[in-house]
Amino acid sequence: MIVEIKEYTDEECSFKEIKENPIVLDFSQCRYFLQVHELLKEKFGLPEYYGKNWDALWDCLRDRFYNKEYFEVHIYGYHTMPDDWQEECIKMLEIFDDVHKETPNVVFKLLD
């Protein structure tokens, strides 16, 4: 079995600029679960190598906001997601809480 390993350019490995503050996460338009991670990647300007899993989110967000300017993250549509998605996304909310504890310059607000 041959496994192809993707090599990323320096640009793909970099965080993208966050163009809004507050950062608005609106999960109400997510129609399949992978869109949750795609939205997180887009809104937080995560690198191309973002693994679209909770461990990767923790790693990226901790690095993303450490010693950076103040950011607010407004979370909408969480309660519009199917129950099983909400249950899975509890991990995401726990990560947000942990990120805030380590990097208090980012504040997460669940607004729905």
C-alpha atoms as a PDB file:
ATOM      1  CA  MET A   1       0.000   0.000   0.000  1.00  0.00           C
ATOM      2  CA  ILE A   2       1.369   3.388  -1.014  1.00  0.00           C
ATOM      3  CA  VAL A   3       0.371   6.370   1.080  1.00  0.00           C
ATOM      4  CA  GLU A   4       0.692   9.784  -0.463  1.00  0.00           C
ATOM      5  CA  ILE A   5       1.698  12.512   1.973  1.00  0.00           C
ATOM      6  CA  LYS A   6       0.476  16.009   1.247  1.00  0.00           C
ATOM      7  CA  GLU A   7       3.124  18.683   1.527  1.00  0.00           C
ATOM      8  CA  TYR A   8       1.879  22.166   2.338  1.00  0.00           C
ATOM      9  CA  THR A   9       3.379  25.448   1.208  1.00  0.00           C
ATOM     10  CA  ASP A  10       4.361  28.069   3.774  1.00  0.00           C
ATOM     11  CA  GLU A  11       1.218  30.017   2.870  1.00  0.00           C
ATOM     12  CA  GLU A  12      -1.001  26.978   3.479  1.00  0.00           C
ATOM     13  CA  CYS A  13       0.649  26.439   6.875  1.00  0.00           C
ATOM     14  CA  SER A  14      -0.024  29.990   8.008  1.00  0.00           C
ATOM     15  CA  PHE A  15      -3.011  31.348   9.849  1.00  0.00           C
ATOM     16  CA  LYS A  16      -5.137  33.646   7.730  1.00  0.00           C
ATOM     17  CA  GLU A  17      -6.094  37.133   8.853  1.00  0.00           C
ATOM     18  CA  ILE A  18      -9.226  37.372  10.966  1.00  0.00           C
ATOM     19  CA  LYS A  19     -11.257  40.132   9.385  1.00  0.00           C
ATOM     20  CA  GLU A  20     -14.023  40.538  11.955  1.00  0.00           C
ATOM     21  CA  ASN A  21     -14.179  41.235  15.642  1.00  0.00           C
ATOM     22  CA  PRO A  22     -16.434  39.960  17.026  1.00  0.00           C
ATOM     23  CA  ILE A  23     -15.980  36.703  15.191  1.00  0.00           C
ATOM     24  CA  VAL A  24     -19.461  35.399  14.393  1.00  0.00           C
ATOM     25  CA  LEU A  25     -20.002  31.650  14.365  1.00  0.00           C
ATOM     26  CA  ASP A  26     -23.501  30.932  13.045  1.00  0.00           C
ATOM     27  CA  PHE A  27     -24.157  27.206  13.013  1.00  0.00           C
ATOM     28  CA  SER A  28     -27.795  27.555  11.933  1.00  0.00           C
ATOM     29  CA  GLN A  29     -26.863  27.135   8.258  1.00  0.00           C
ATOM     30  CA  CYS A  30     -24.831  23.923   8.756  1.00  0.00           C
ATOM     31  CA  ARG A  31     -26.555  21.089   6.903  1.00  0.00           C
ATOM     32  CA  TYR A  32     -23.986  18.369   7.566  1.00  0.00           C
ATOM     33  CA  PHE A  33     -21.582  17.954  10.463  1.00  0.00           C
ATOM     34  CA  LEU A  34     -18.379  18.622   8.541  1.00  0.00           C
ATOM     35  CA  GLN A  35     -19.678  22.140   7.877  1.00  0.00           C
ATOM     36  CA  VAL A  36     -19.199  22.855  11.588  1.00  0.00           C
ATOM     37  CA  HIS A  37     -15.449  22.334  11.187  1.00  0.00           C
ATOM     38  CA  GLU A  38     -15.380  24.160   7.873  1.00  0.00           C
ATOM     39  CA  LEU A  39     -17.019  27.174   9.529  1.00  0.00           C
ATOM     40  CA  LEU A  40     -14.512  27.059  12.396  1.00  0.00           C
ATOM     41  CA  LYS A  41     -11.627  26.882   9.930  1.00  0.00           C
ATOM     42  CA  GLU A  42     -12.922  29.811   7.905  1.00  0.00           C
ATOM     43  CA  LYS A  43     -13.881  32.128  10.765  1.00  0.00           C
ATOM     44  CA  PHE A  44     -10.743  31.518  12.828  1.00  0.00           C
ATOM     45  CA  GLY A  45      -8.461  31.676   9.769  1.00  0.00           C
ATOM     46  CA  LEU A  46      -7.019  28.248  10.486  1.00  0.00           C
ATOM     47  CA  PRO A  47      -4.258  26.804   8.296  1.00  0.00           C
ATOM     48  CA  GLU A  48      -4.930  24.314   5.513  1.00  0.00           C
ATOM     49  CA  TYR A  49      -3.570  21.457   7.611  1.00  0.00           C
ATOM     50  CA  TYR A  50      -6.350  21.915  10.209  1.00  0.00           C
ATOM     51  CA  GLY A  51      -7.447  18.338  10.870  1.00  0.00           C
ATOM     52  CA  LYS A  52     -11.171  19.035  11.370  1.00  0.00           C
ATOM     53  CA  ASN A  53     -11.308  17.327  14.752  1.00  0.00           C
ATOM     54  CA  TRP A  54     -11.457  18.564  18.332  1.00  0.00           C
ATOM     55  CA  ASP A  55      -7.783  17.935  19.156  1.00  0.00           C
ATOM     56  CA  ALA A  56      -6.742  19.928  16.102  1.00  0.00           C
ATOM     57  CA  LEU A  57      -9.134  22.731  17.043  1.00  0.00           C
ATOM     58  CA  TRP A  58      -7.609  22.977  20.528  1.00  0.00           C
ATOM     59  CA  ASP A  59      -4.064  23.074  19.150  1.00  0.00           C
ATOM     60  CA  CYS A  60      -4.866  25.677  16.514  1.00  0.00           C
ATOM     61  CA  LEU A  61      -6.919  27.990  18.719  1.00  0.00           C
ATOM     62  CA  ARG A  62      -4.421  27.974  21.545  1.00  0.00           C
ATOM     63  CA  ASP A  63      -1.691  28.983  19.099  1.00  0.00           C
ATOM     64  CA  ARG A  64      -3.995  31.346  17.209  1.00  0.00           C
ATOM     65  CA  PHE A  65      -4.864  33.567  20.157  1.00  0.00           C
ATOM     66  CA  TYR A  66      -1.837  33.281  22.453  1.00  0.00           C
ATOM     67  CA  ASN A  67      -0.477  36.776  23.200  1.00  0.00           C
ATOM     68  CA  LYS A  68      -2.723  38.364  20.576  1.00  0.00           C
ATOM     69  CA  GLU A  69      -5.206  41.211  20.634  1.00  0.00           C
ATOM     70  CA  TYR A  70      -8.614  40.982  22.295  1.00  0.00           C
ATOM     71  CA  PHE A  71     -11.267  39.012  20.392  1.00  0.00           C
ATOM     72  CA  GLU A  72     -14.875  38.179  21.087  1.00  0.00           C
ATOM     73  CA  VAL A  73     -16.506  35.150  19.515  1.00  0.00           C
ATOM     74  CA  HIS A  74     -20.293  35.243  19.220  1.00  0.00           C
ATOM     75  CA  ILE A  75     -21.880  31.825  18.806  1.00  0.00           C
ATOM     76  CA  TYR A  76     -25.302  31.562  17.163  1.00  0.00           C
ATOM     77  CA  GLY A  77     -27.377  28.609  16.019  1.00  0.00           C
ATOM     78  CA  TYR A  78     -25.958  26.088  18.467  1.00  0.00           C
ATOM     79  CA  HIS A  79     -29.434  25.102  19.650  1.00  0.00           C
ATOM     80  CA  THR A  80     -30.726  24.829  16.071  1.00  0.00           C
ATOM     81  CA  MET A  81     -28.373  21.930  15.359  1.00  0.00           C
ATOM     82  CA  PRO A  82     -29.694  18.366  15.658  1.00  0.00           C
ATOM     83  CA  ASP A  83     -29.469  16.969  19.198  1.00  0.00           C
ATOM     84  CA  ASP A  84     -26.672  14.541  18.356  1.00  0.00           C
ATOM     85  CA  TRP A  85     -24.620  17.404  16.865  1.00  0.00           C
ATOM     86  CA  GLN A  86     -25.168  19.505  19.984  1.00  0.00           C
ATOM     87  CA  GLU A  87     -23.992  16.598  22.092  1.00  0.00           C
ATOM     88  CA  GLU A  88     -20.855  16.215  19.974  1.00  0.00           C
ATOM     89  CA  CYS A  89     -20.258  19.973  19.958  1.00  0.00           C
ATOM     90  CA  ILE A  90     -20.174  20.081  23.746  1.00  0.00           C
ATOM     91  CA  LYS A  91     -16.514  19.209  23.183  1.00  0.00           C
ATOM     92  CA  MET A  92     -16.178  22.361  21.081  1.00  0.00           C
ATOM     93  CA  LEU A  93     -17.667  24.499  23.859  1.00  0.00           C
ATOM     94  CA  GLU A  94     -15.298  22.894  26.375  1.00  0.00           C
ATOM     95  CA  ILE A  95     -12.387  23.733  24.080  1.00  0.00           C
ATOM     96  CA  PHE A  96     -13.593  27.328  23.866  1.00  0.00           C
ATOM     97  CA  ASP A  97     -13.671  27.465  27.665  1.00  0.00           C
ATOM     98  CA  ASP A  98     -10.156  25.989  27.919  1.00  0.00           C
ATOM     99  CA  VAL A  99      -8.820  28.377  25.281  1.00  0.00           C
ATOM    100  CA  HIS A 100     -10.261  31.320  27.205  1.00  0.00           C
ATOM    101  CA  LYS A 101      -8.619  30.092  30.416  1.00  0.00           C
ATOM    102  CA  GLU A 102      -5.216  29.903  28.705  1.00  0.00           C
ATOM    103  CA  THR A 103      -5.676  32.991  26.557  1.00  0.00           C
ATOM    104  CA  PRO A 104      -8.097  35.335  28.367  1.00  0.00           C
ATOM    105  CA  ASN A 105      -7.825  37.829  25.517  1.00  0.00           C
ATOM    106  CA  VAL A 106     -10.416  35.763  23.633  1.00  0.00           C
ATOM    107  CA  VAL A 107     -13.963  35.580  24.984  1.00  0.00           C
ATOM    108  CA  PHE A 108     -16.613  33.163  23.723  1.00  0.00           C
ATOM    109  CA  LYS A 109     -20.309  34.017  24.083  1.00  0.00           C
ATOM    110  CA  LEU A 110     -23.104  31.546  23.372  1.00  0.00           C
ATOM    111  CA  LEU A 111     -25.886  33.881  22.237  1.00  0.00           C
ATOM    112  CA  ASP A 112     -28.839  31.745  21.225  1.00  0.00           C
END
